[in-house]
Amino acid sequence: MKDHTLLLSVFILLLMGCSAAFCNEEAQFVEFIGKGNINWSKGFVRAIGTGTPPGWAYGKPQANPLALTTARMVAYRNLLEVVQGIRVDSKTTVKEFIVTDGSINAQFDSMIRGAEVIKNEYKPNETVEVTVQMSMTGGFMQLILPSAIMHVEPVKITSSVEQLAESDSNSKPDVFTGLVVDARGLKIQPVIALKVLNENGKEVYGSAYVSREHAVQQGMCGYFTDINKAIVDKRVGENPLVVKGIKTKGPENSDIIISNADAAILKSTPENLFFLRKCCVIIIVD
């Protein structure tokens, strides 16, 4: 009996530890909202809807089709609720963003209706459960990304910089392939338009550094829960710069501040701007 009690206690503790984010082997960060969730690691939103047939249809051929139709309608409604809760930046949610422009609102509604049905599950008593999924990249990201994020031309290294590096190879700074910010313990709230600042409040990564093309394709950053898996993720390449977030800024604890020393390393060579432009950035969260 004691063994069973111990196992139950451990199970409950595990559930408590994963309440804010669904923990799995791939260290994905999943935020739960209402009847759905936001997968900030893979870049998609899911929602579930349940439907039952009207009383007169139970036991008849129409029961399952009617329940399925209802479940889909509920799933899309729940998906809308989840997507509206996505934070665009530290001050604005998707819901607040789309109400400012009627044309954007119409496009947004169309995207919700076009979400993919990934699962129909027929349960007892002729109940049907439907799961729908919508990508946060592509059209959605194009619509939601702040207009300040424009196409950025590739970084050009001037001949003077190249000559300087060749003349003193021993002093040449490291060239990194990506950025991993360890923000564990800071209670970070994930956002679409991430900002990383130095201790003086100067932006070292954000809308001014990324190319809209890359941000639309994969988002400005990925969020993971395991730093060991993050540093080997293909997004940040073979030699990522790993820095520690020291505190947050903004009403939603979404903008991350790193030390001036780490910011200086990030800016130490023009080549590092290549991976910033391509959004090769991962944030580690609890």
C-alpha atoms as a PDB file:
ATOM      1  CA  MET A   1       0.000   0.000   0.000  1.00  0.00           C
ATOM      2  CA  LYS A   2       2.883   2.366   0.846  1.00  0.00           C
ATOM      3  CA  ASP A   3       4.424   1.731  -2.579  1.00  0.00           C
ATOM      4  CA  HIS A   4       1.161   2.631  -4.299  1.00  0.00           C
ATOM      5  CA  THR A   5       0.884   5.798  -2.228  1.00  0.00           C
ATOM      6  CA  LEU A   6       4.448   6.785  -3.107  1.00  0.00           C
ATOM      7  CA  LEU A   7       3.888   6.219  -6.809  1.00  0.00           C
ATOM      8  CA  LEU A   8       0.714   8.282  -6.695  1.00  0.00           C
ATOM      9  CA  SER A   9       2.539  11.126  -4.945  1.00  0.00           C
ATOM     10  CA  VAL A  10       5.311  11.127  -7.555  1.00  0.00           C
ATOM     11  CA  PHE A  11       2.763  11.156 -10.380  1.00  0.00           C
ATOM     12  CA  ILE A  12       0.953  14.139  -8.858  1.00  0.00           C
ATOM     13  CA  LEU A  13       4.218  16.043  -8.480  1.00  0.00           C
ATOM     14  CA  LEU A  14       5.078  15.415 -12.115  1.00  0.00           C
ATOM     15  CA  LEU A  15       1.715  16.755 -13.192  1.00  0.00           C
ATOM     16  CA  MET A  16       2.194  19.860 -11.073  1.00  0.00           C
ATOM     17  CA  GLY A  17       5.607  20.465 -12.595  1.00  0.00           C
ATOM     18  CA  CYS A  18       4.229  20.324 -16.116  1.00  0.00           C
ATOM     19  CA  SER A  19       1.085  22.408 -15.591  1.00  0.00           C
ATOM     20  CA  ALA A  20       2.297  25.459 -17.520  1.00  0.00           C
ATOM     21  CA  ALA A  21       4.005  23.501 -20.260  1.00  0.00           C
ATOM     22  CA  PHE A  22       3.549  20.006 -21.555  1.00  0.00           C
ATOM     23  CA  CYS A  23       6.834  18.177 -20.925  1.00  0.00           C
ATOM     24  CA  ASN A  24       7.959  15.588 -23.451  1.00  0.00           C
ATOM     25  CA  GLU A  25      11.112  13.984 -24.796  1.00  0.00           C
ATOM     26  CA  GLU A  26      11.637  16.716 -27.387  1.00  0.00           C
ATOM     27  CA  ALA A  27      11.637  19.476 -24.746  1.00  0.00           C
ATOM     28  CA  GLN A  28       8.803  21.300 -26.454  1.00  0.00           C
ATOM     29  CA  PHE A  29       7.151  24.226 -24.703  1.00  0.00           C
ATOM     30  CA  VAL A  30       3.366  24.008 -24.938  1.00  0.00           C
ATOM     31  CA  GLU A  31       1.138  26.655 -23.381  1.00  0.00           C
ATOM     32  CA  PHE A  32      -2.430  25.627 -22.562  1.00  0.00           C
ATOM     33  CA  ILE A  33      -5.303  28.058 -23.078  1.00  0.00           C
ATOM     34  CA  GLY A  34      -8.928  27.008 -22.635  1.00  0.00           C
ATOM     35  CA  LYS A  35      -9.702  23.976 -24.802  1.00  0.00           C
ATOM     36  CA  GLY A  36      -6.459  24.094 -26.734  1.00  0.00           C
ATOM     37  CA  ASN A  37      -2.764  24.856 -26.663  1.00  0.00           C
ATOM     38  CA  ILE A  38       0.059  26.785 -28.326  1.00  0.00           C
ATOM     39  CA  ASN A  39       3.158  24.809 -29.255  1.00  0.00           C
ATOM     40  CA  TRP A  40       5.847  27.503 -29.123  1.00  0.00           C
ATOM     41  CA  SER A  41       8.560  25.030 -30.134  1.00  0.00           C
ATOM     42  CA  LYS A  42       6.927  23.616 -33.272  1.00  0.00           C
ATOM     43  CA  GLY A  43       4.961  26.745 -34.164  1.00  0.00           C
ATOM     44  CA  PHE A  44       1.347  25.600 -34.257  1.00  0.00           C
ATOM     45  CA  VAL A  45      -1.920  25.991 -32.362  1.00  0.00           C
ATOM     46  CA  ARG A  46      -4.368  23.173 -31.576  1.00  0.00           C
ATOM     47  CA  ALA A  47      -7.869  23.056 -30.185  1.00  0.00           C
ATOM     48  CA  ILE A  48     -10.405  20.339 -29.416  1.00  0.00           C
ATOM     49  CA  GLY A  49     -14.167  20.411 -29.877  1.00  0.00           C
ATOM     50  CA  THR A  50     -16.720  17.861 -28.678  1.00  0.00           C
ATOM     51  CA  GLY A  51     -20.114  17.302 -30.270  1.00  0.00           C
ATOM     52  CA  THR A  52     -23.150  15.166 -29.552  1.00  0.00           C
ATOM     53  CA  PRO A  53     -26.142  14.520 -31.805  1.00  0.00           C
ATOM     54  CA  PRO A  54     -29.536  16.017 -30.986  1.00  0.00           C
ATOM     55  CA  GLY A  55     -31.788  13.814 -28.903  1.00  0.00           C
ATOM     56  CA  TRP A  56     -33.965  12.701 -31.781  1.00  0.00           C
ATOM     57  CA  ALA A  57     -30.920  11.389 -33.730  1.00  0.00           C
ATOM     58  CA  TYR A  58     -29.513   8.981 -31.146  1.00  0.00           C
ATOM     59  CA  GLY A  59     -29.321   5.466 -32.510  1.00  0.00           C
ATOM     60  CA  LYS A  60     -29.993   6.646 -36.059  1.00  0.00           C
ATOM     61  CA  PRO A  61     -27.645   6.907 -39.063  1.00  0.00           C
ATOM     62  CA  GLN A  62     -27.627  10.714 -38.776  1.00  0.00           C
ATOM     63  CA  ALA A  63     -26.158  10.646 -35.249  1.00  0.00           C
ATOM     64  CA  ASN A  64     -22.437  10.558 -36.065  1.00  0.00           C
ATOM     65  CA  PRO A  65     -22.525  13.068 -38.977  1.00  0.00           C
ATOM     66  CA  LEU A  66     -24.488  15.560 -36.872  1.00  0.00           C
ATOM     67  CA  ALA A  67     -22.182  15.126 -33.881  1.00  0.00           C
ATOM     68  CA  LEU A  68     -19.163  15.526 -36.149  1.00  0.00           C
ATOM     69  CA  THR A  69     -20.494  18.803 -37.577  1.00  0.00           C
ATOM     70  CA  THR A  70     -21.121  20.161 -34.094  1.00  0.00           C
ATOM     71  CA  ALA A  71     -17.686  19.068 -32.865  1.00  0.00           C
ATOM     72  CA  ARG A  72     -15.966  20.834 -35.753  1.00  0.00           C
ATOM     73  CA  MET A  73     -17.848  24.054 -35.101  1.00  0.00           C
ATOM     74  CA  VAL A  74     -16.890  23.905 -31.426  1.00  0.00           C
ATOM     75  CA  ALA A  75     -13.266  23.096 -32.293  1.00  0.00           C
ATOM     76  CA  TYR A  76     -12.988  26.128 -34.579  1.00  0.00           C
ATOM     77  CA  ARG A  77     -14.553  28.323 -31.910  1.00  0.00           C
ATOM     78  CA  ASN A  78     -12.090  27.034 -29.327  1.00  0.00           C
ATOM     79  CA  LEU A  79      -9.216  27.526 -31.773  1.00  0.00           C
ATOM     80  CA  LEU A  80     -10.262  31.149 -32.182  1.00  0.00           C
ATOM     81  CA  GLU A  81     -10.104  31.614 -28.421  1.00  0.00           C
ATOM     82  CA  VAL A  82      -6.630  30.095 -28.211  1.00  0.00           C
ATOM     83  CA  VAL A  83      -5.216  32.077 -31.134  1.00  0.00           C
ATOM     84  CA  GLN A  84      -6.634  35.333 -29.789  1.00  0.00           C
ATOM     85  CA  GLY A  85      -4.649  34.713 -26.607  1.00  0.00           C
ATOM     86  CA  ILE A  86      -1.294  34.555 -28.411  1.00  0.00           C
ATOM     87  CA  ARG A  87       0.961  37.442 -27.383  1.00  0.00           C
ATOM     88  CA  VAL A  88       2.251  39.445 -30.342  1.00  0.00           C
ATOM     89  CA  ASP A  89       4.678  41.359 -28.127  1.00  0.00           C
ATOM     90  CA  SER A  90       5.032  42.301 -24.471  1.00  0.00           C
ATOM     91  CA  LYS A  91       2.024  44.635 -24.675  1.00  0.00           C
ATOM     92  CA  THR A  92      -0.378  43.219 -27.280  1.00  0.00           C
ATOM     93  CA  THR A  93      -2.296  39.981 -27.827  1.00  0.00           C
ATOM     94  CA  VAL A  94      -3.610  38.795 -31.190  1.00  0.00           C
ATOM     95  CA  LYS A  95      -7.132  39.699 -30.073  1.00  0.00           C
ATOM     96  CA  GLU A  96      -6.096  43.277 -29.368  1.00  0.00           C
ATOM     97  CA  PHE A  97      -4.107  43.442 -32.603  1.00  0.00           C
ATOM     98  CA  ILE A  98      -6.819  42.343 -35.032  1.00  0.00           C
ATOM     99  CA  VAL A  99      -9.584  44.632 -33.725  1.00  0.00           C
ATOM    100  CA  THR A 100      -7.632  47.649 -34.953  1.00  0.00           C
ATOM    101  CA  ASP A 101      -8.062  46.747 -38.634  1.00  0.00           C
ATOM    102  CA  GLY A 102     -11.217  45.380 -40.254  1.00  0.00           C
ATOM    103  CA  SER A 103      -9.375  43.850 -43.205  1.00  0.00           C
ATOM    104  CA  ILE A 104      -6.987  42.000 -40.892  1.00  0.00           C
ATOM    105  CA  ASN A 105      -9.949  40.712 -38.887  1.00  0.00           C
ATOM    106  CA  ALA A 106     -11.520  39.264 -42.039  1.00  0.00           C
ATOM    107  CA  GLN A 107      -8.279  37.533 -43.072  1.00  0.00           C
ATOM    108  CA  PHE A 108      -7.887  36.188 -39.562  1.00  0.00           C
ATOM    109  CA  ASP A 109     -11.375  34.665 -39.570  1.00  0.00           C
ATOM    110  CA  SER A 110     -10.606  33.018 -42.904  1.00  0.00           C
ATOM    111  CA  MET A 111      -7.447  31.435 -41.482  1.00  0.00           C
ATOM    112  CA  ILE A 112      -9.361  30.017 -38.533  1.00  0.00           C
ATOM    113  CA  ARG A 113     -11.960  28.455 -40.829  1.00  0.00           C
ATOM    114  CA  GLY A 114      -9.154  27.004 -42.936  1.00  0.00           C
ATOM    115  CA  ALA A 115      -7.458  25.240 -40.023  1.00  0.00           C
ATOM    116  CA  GLU A 116      -6.664  21.577 -40.648  1.00  0.00           C
ATOM    117  CA  VAL A 117      -8.698  18.828 -39.023  1.00  0.00           C
ATOM    118  CA  ILE A 118      -6.038  16.406 -37.798  1.00  0.00           C
ATOM    119  CA  LYS A 119      -8.178  13.984 -35.815  1.00  0.00           C
ATOM    120  CA  ASN A 120     -11.788  12.775 -35.567  1.00  0.00           C
ATOM    121  CA  GLU A 121     -12.375  10.525 -32.580  1.00  0.00           C
ATOM    122  CA  TYR A 122     -15.672   8.689 -32.136  1.00  0.00           C
ATOM    123  CA  LYS A 123     -16.402   8.098 -28.471  1.00  0.00           C
ATOM    124  CA  PRO A 124     -19.122   6.185 -26.602  1.00  0.00           C
ATOM    125  CA  ASN A 125     -22.719   7.481 -26.605  1.00  0.00           C
ATOM    126  CA  GLU A 126     -22.209   8.714 -30.195  1.00  0.00           C
ATOM    127  CA  THR A 127     -20.052  11.632 -29.031  1.00  0.00           C
ATOM    128  CA  VAL A 128     -17.397  12.896 -31.453  1.00  0.00           C
ATOM    129  CA  GLU A 129     -14.198  14.773 -30.559  1.00  0.00           C
ATOM    130  CA  VAL A 130     -12.429  16.797 -33.263  1.00  0.00           C
ATOM    131  CA  THR A 131      -8.894  18.226 -33.086  1.00  0.00           C
ATOM    132  CA  VAL A 132      -7.949  21.112 -35.379  1.00  0.00           C
ATOM    133  CA  GLN A 133      -4.542  22.637 -35.951  1.00  0.00           C
ATOM    134  CA  MET A 134      -3.295  25.910 -37.436  1.00  0.00           C
ATOM    135  CA  SER A 135       0.300  26.864 -38.207  1.00  0.00           C
ATOM    136  CA  MET A 136       1.720  30.003 -36.628  1.00  0.00           C
ATOM    137  CA  THR A 137       4.110  30.458 -39.557  1.00  0.00           C
ATOM    138  CA  GLY A 138       3.374  31.383 -43.158  1.00  0.00           C
ATOM    139  CA  GLY A 139       0.211  33.397 -43.726  1.00  0.00           C
ATOM    140  CA  PHE A 140      -0.585  33.849 -40.044  1.00  0.00           C
ATOM    141  CA  MET A 141       2.898  35.141 -39.248  1.00  0.00           C
ATOM    142  CA  GLN A 142       2.819  37.430 -42.278  1.00  0.00           C
ATOM    143  CA  LEU A 143      -0.425  38.921 -41.002  1.00  0.00           C
ATOM    144  CA  ILE A 144       0.576  39.286 -37.367  1.00  0.00           C
ATOM    145  CA  LEU A 145       4.236  40.335 -37.548  1.00  0.00           C
ATOM    146  CA  PRO A 146       4.735  44.052 -36.827  1.00  0.00           C
ATOM    147  CA  SER A 147       5.161  46.151 -39.952  1.00  0.00           C
ATOM    148  CA  ALA A 148       8.529  47.325 -38.630  1.00  0.00           C
ATOM    149  CA  ILE A 149       9.938  43.905 -39.521  1.00  0.00           C
ATOM    150  CA  MET A 150      10.951  44.301 -43.133  1.00  0.00           C
ATOM    151  CA  HIS A 151      13.080  42.393 -45.629  1.00  0.00           C
ATOM    152  CA  VAL A 152      16.698  42.788 -44.584  1.00  0.00           C
ATOM    153  CA  GLU A 153      19.466  42.553 -47.157  1.00  0.00           C
ATOM    154  CA  PRO A 154      22.298  40.112 -46.433  1.00  0.00           C
ATOM    155  CA  VAL A 155      25.056  41.479 -44.227  1.00  0.00           C
ATOM    156  CA  LYS A 156      28.076  42.550 -46.252  1.00  0.00           C
ATOM    157  CA  ILE A 157      31.542  42.287 -44.779  1.00  0.00           C
ATOM    158  CA  THR A 158      33.761  45.087 -46.015  1.00  0.00           C
ATOM    159  CA  SER A 159      37.239  44.441 -47.318  1.00  0.00           C
ATOM    160  CA  SER A 160      38.746  46.464 -44.483  1.00  0.00           C
ATOM    161  CA  VAL A 161      37.159  44.134 -41.944  1.00  0.00           C
ATOM    162  CA  GLU A 162      38.398  41.090 -43.858  1.00  0.00           C
ATOM    163  CA  GLN A 163      41.930  42.489 -44.053  1.00  0.00           C
ATOM    164  CA  LEU A 164      41.932  43.275 -40.360  1.00  0.00           C
ATOM    165  CA  ALA A 165      40.867  39.734 -39.506  1.00  0.00           C
ATOM    166  CA  GLU A 166      43.523  38.238 -41.782  1.00  0.00           C
ATOM    167  CA  SER A 167      46.280  40.438 -40.352  1.00  0.00           C
ATOM    168  CA  ASP A 168      45.607  39.322 -36.783  1.00  0.00           C
ATOM    169  CA  SER A 169      43.965  35.908 -36.714  1.00  0.00           C
ATOM    170  CA  ASN A 170      44.710  35.492 -33.011  1.00  0.00           C
ATOM    171  CA  SER A 171      42.428  38.416 -32.131  1.00  0.00           C
ATOM    172  CA  LYS A 172      39.647  37.392 -34.477  1.00  0.00           C
ATOM    173  CA  PRO A 173      36.404  36.943 -32.456  1.00  0.00           C
ATOM    174  CA  ASP A 174      34.456  33.696 -32.534  1.00  0.00           C
ATOM    175  CA  VAL A 175      31.879  33.310 -35.273  1.00  0.00           C
ATOM    176  CA  PHE A 176      28.662  31.750 -34.037  1.00  0.00           C
ATOM    177  CA  THR A 177      25.830  30.031 -35.900  1.00  0.00           C
ATOM    178  CA  GLY A 178      22.950  30.870 -33.589  1.00  0.00           C
ATOM    179  CA  LEU A 179      21.890  32.285 -30.240  1.00  0.00           C
ATOM    180  CA  VAL A 180      20.528  30.369 -27.236  1.00  0.00           C
ATOM    181  CA  VAL A 181      19.237  32.497 -24.358  1.00  0.00           C
ATOM    182  CA  ASP A 182      18.815  30.647 -21.069  1.00  0.00           C
ATOM    183  CA  ALA A 183      15.805  32.404 -19.521  1.00  0.00           C
ATOM    184  CA  ARG A 184      14.939  29.765 -16.949  1.00  0.00           C
ATOM    185  CA  GLY A 185      13.775  31.186 -13.655  1.00  0.00           C
ATOM    186  CA  LEU A 186      12.582  34.451 -15.201  1.00  0.00           C
ATOM    187  CA  LYS A 187       8.956  33.351 -15.715  1.00  0.00           C
ATOM    188  CA  ILE A 188       9.110  34.307 -19.388  1.00  0.00           C
ATOM    189  CA  GLN A 189       5.873  34.746 -21.334  1.00  0.00           C
ATOM    190  CA  PRO A 190       6.491  33.695 -24.988  1.00  0.00           C
ATOM    191  CA  VAL A 191       5.742  36.242 -27.716  1.00  0.00           C
ATOM    192  CA  ILE A 192       5.860  36.366 -31.498  1.00  0.00           C
ATOM    193  CA  ALA A 193       7.912  39.570 -31.723  1.00  0.00           C
ATOM    194  CA  LEU A 194      10.716  38.843 -29.269  1.00  0.00           C
ATOM    195  CA  LYS A 195      13.172  41.469 -28.016  1.00  0.00           C
ATOM    196  CA  VAL A 196      16.547  40.819 -26.417  1.00  0.00           C
ATOM    197  CA  LEU A 197      18.107  43.860 -24.756  1.00  0.00           C
ATOM    198  CA  ASN A 198      21.368  44.689 -23.047  1.00  0.00           C
ATOM    199  CA  GLU A 199      21.541  46.113 -19.529  1.00  0.00           C
ATOM    200  CA  ASN A 200      21.255  49.632 -20.922  1.00  0.00           C
ATOM    201  CA  GLY A 201      17.960  48.805 -22.604  1.00  0.00           C
ATOM    202  CA  LYS A 202      19.449  48.767 -26.113  1.00  0.00           C
ATOM    203  CA  GLU A 203      18.009  46.174 -28.465  1.00  0.00           C
ATOM    204  CA  VAL A 204      20.492  43.497 -29.505  1.00  0.00           C
ATOM    205  CA  TYR A 205      17.901  41.257 -31.177  1.00  0.00           C
ATOM    206  CA  GLY A 206      14.459  42.155 -32.408  1.00  0.00           C
ATOM    207  CA  SER A 207      12.537  43.635 -35.318  1.00  0.00           C
ATOM    208  CA  ALA A 208      15.502  45.693 -36.528  1.00  0.00           C
ATOM    209  CA  TYR A 209      17.694  42.628 -36.965  1.00  0.00           C
ATOM    210  CA  VAL A 210      15.524  39.983 -38.627  1.00  0.00           C
ATOM    211  CA  SER A 211      14.460  39.521 -42.204  1.00  0.00           C
ATOM    212  CA  ARG A 212      10.693  39.305 -42.581  1.00  0.00           C
ATOM    213  CA  GLU A 213      11.140  36.425 -45.013  1.00  0.00           C
ATOM    214  CA  HIS A 214      12.808  34.249 -42.382  1.00  0.00           C
ATOM    215  CA  ALA A 215      10.501  35.387 -39.585  1.00  0.00           C
ATOM    216  CA  VAL A 216       7.469  34.399 -41.665  1.00  0.00           C
ATOM    217  CA  GLN A 217       8.963  30.996 -42.475  1.00  0.00           C
ATOM    218  CA  GLN A 218       9.881  29.930 -38.943  1.00  0.00           C
ATOM    219  CA  GLY A 219       9.069  32.701 -36.468  1.00  0.00           C
ATOM    220  CA  MET A 220      11.538  35.015 -34.753  1.00  0.00           C
ATOM    221  CA  CYS A 221      12.587  32.357 -32.253  1.00  0.00           C
ATOM    222  CA  GLY A 222      11.798  28.956 -30.838  1.00  0.00           C
ATOM    223  CA  TYR A 223      11.048  28.168 -27.200  1.00  0.00           C
ATOM    224  CA  PHE A 224      12.417  25.006 -25.567  1.00  0.00           C
ATOM    225  CA  THR A 225      12.535  23.582 -22.040  1.00  0.00           C
ATOM    226  CA  ASP A 226      15.791  21.611 -22.287  1.00  0.00           C
ATOM    227  CA  ILE A 227      19.001  23.517 -22.973  1.00  0.00           C
ATOM    228  CA  ASN A 228      20.891  20.343 -23.890  1.00  0.00           C
ATOM    229  CA  LYS A 229      18.459  19.631 -26.711  1.00  0.00           C
ATOM    230  CA  ALA A 230      18.306  23.265 -27.761  1.00  0.00           C
ATOM    231  CA  ILE A 231      22.039  23.707 -28.314  1.00  0.00           C
ATOM    232  CA  VAL A 232      22.070  20.811 -30.784  1.00  0.00           C
ATOM    233  CA  ASP A 233      18.890  21.843 -32.583  1.00  0.00           C
ATOM    234  CA  LYS A 234      19.405  22.556 -36.285  1.00  0.00           C
ATOM    235  CA  ARG A 235      17.867  25.999 -35.860  1.00  0.00           C
ATOM    236  CA  VAL A 236      20.969  27.332 -34.082  1.00  0.00           C
ATOM    237  CA  GLY A 237      23.563  25.382 -36.055  1.00  0.00           C
ATOM    238  CA  GLU A 238      26.771  23.744 -34.879  1.00  0.00           C
ATOM    239  CA  ASN A 239      28.239  26.571 -32.801  1.00  0.00           C
ATOM    240  CA  PRO A 240      25.551  28.582 -31.001  1.00  0.00           C
ATOM    241  CA  LEU A 241      26.382  31.372 -28.575  1.00  0.00           C
ATOM    242  CA  VAL A 242      24.792  30.505 -25.214  1.00  0.00           C
ATOM    243  CA  VAL A 243      23.995  33.417 -22.896  1.00  0.00           C
ATOM    244  CA  LYS A 244      22.073  33.815 -19.664  1.00  0.00           C
ATOM    245  CA  GLY A 245      19.012  36.029 -19.383  1.00  0.00           C
ATOM    246  CA  ILE A 246      19.407  38.101 -16.215  1.00  0.00           C
ATOM    247  CA  LYS A 247      15.950  39.687 -16.006  1.00  0.00           C
ATOM    248  CA  THR A 248      12.888  40.632 -18.037  1.00  0.00           C
ATOM    249  CA  LYS A 249      11.282  43.862 -19.136  1.00  0.00           C
ATOM    250  CA  GLY A 250       7.733  44.771 -20.092  1.00  0.00           C
ATOM    251  CA  PRO A 251       4.311  44.143 -18.566  1.00  0.00           C
ATOM    252  CA  GLU A 252       4.206  40.500 -19.704  1.00  0.00           C
ATOM    253  CA  ASN A 253       7.809  39.536 -18.796  1.00  0.00           C
ATOM    254  CA  SER A 254       8.496  38.860 -22.460  1.00  0.00           C
ATOM    255  CA  ASP A 255      11.491  41.051 -23.344  1.00  0.00           C
ATOM    256  CA  ILE A 256      14.741  39.514 -22.121  1.00  0.00           C
ATOM    257  CA  ILE A 257      17.761  41.389 -20.810  1.00  0.00           C
ATOM    258  CA  ILE A 258      21.243  39.894 -21.135  1.00  0.00           C
ATOM    259  CA  SER A 259      24.511  41.254 -19.762  1.00  0.00           C
ATOM    260  CA  ASN A 260      26.441  43.938 -21.597  1.00  0.00           C
ATOM    261  CA  ALA A 261      29.361  41.527 -21.811  1.00  0.00           C
ATOM    262  CA  ASP A 262      27.271  38.892 -23.614  1.00  0.00           C
ATOM    263  CA  ALA A 263      25.745  41.540 -25.853  1.00  0.00           C
ATOM    264  CA  ALA A 264      29.254  42.679 -26.795  1.00  0.00           C
ATOM    265  CA  ILE A 265      30.222  39.123 -27.732  1.00  0.00           C
ATOM    266  CA  LEU A 266      27.107  38.862 -29.900  1.00  0.00           C
ATOM    267  CA  LYS A 267      28.048  42.082 -31.703  1.00  0.00           C
ATOM    268  CA  SER A 268      31.786  41.349 -31.851  1.00  0.00           C
ATOM    269  CA  THR A 269      31.789  40.250 -35.490  1.00  0.00           C
ATOM    270  CA  PRO A 270      29.605  41.161 -38.491  1.00  0.00           C
ATOM    271  CA  GLU A 271      29.233  37.465 -39.325  1.00  0.00           C
ATOM    272  CA  ASN A 272      27.059  36.992 -36.256  1.00  0.00           C
ATOM    273  CA  LEU A 273      24.447  39.233 -37.848  1.00  0.00           C
ATOM    274  CA  PHE A 274      23.862  36.498 -40.418  1.00  0.00           C
ATOM    275  CA  PHE A 275      22.199  34.175 -37.936  1.00  0.00           C
ATOM    276  CA  LEU A 276      20.221  37.004 -36.324  1.00  0.00           C
ATOM    277  CA  ARG A 277      18.820  37.920 -39.724  1.00  0.00           C
ATOM    278  CA  LYS A 278      17.792  34.298 -40.244  1.00  0.00           C
ATOM    279  CA  CYS A 279      16.094  34.071 -36.809  1.00  0.00           C
ATOM    280  CA  CYS A 280      18.484  31.370 -35.580  1.00  0.00           C
ATOM    281  CA  VAL A 281      17.472  32.020 -31.982  1.00  0.00           C
ATOM    282  CA  ILE A 282      16.147  29.742 -29.232  1.00  0.00           C
ATOM    283  CA  ILE A 283      14.884  30.761 -25.796  1.00  0.00           C
ATOM    284  CA  ILE A 284      15.062  28.303 -22.879  1.00  0.00           C
ATOM    285  CA  VAL A 285      12.091  28.540 -20.501  1.00  0.00           C
ATOM    286  CA  ASP A 286      10.891  26.663 -17.438  1.00  0.00           C
END
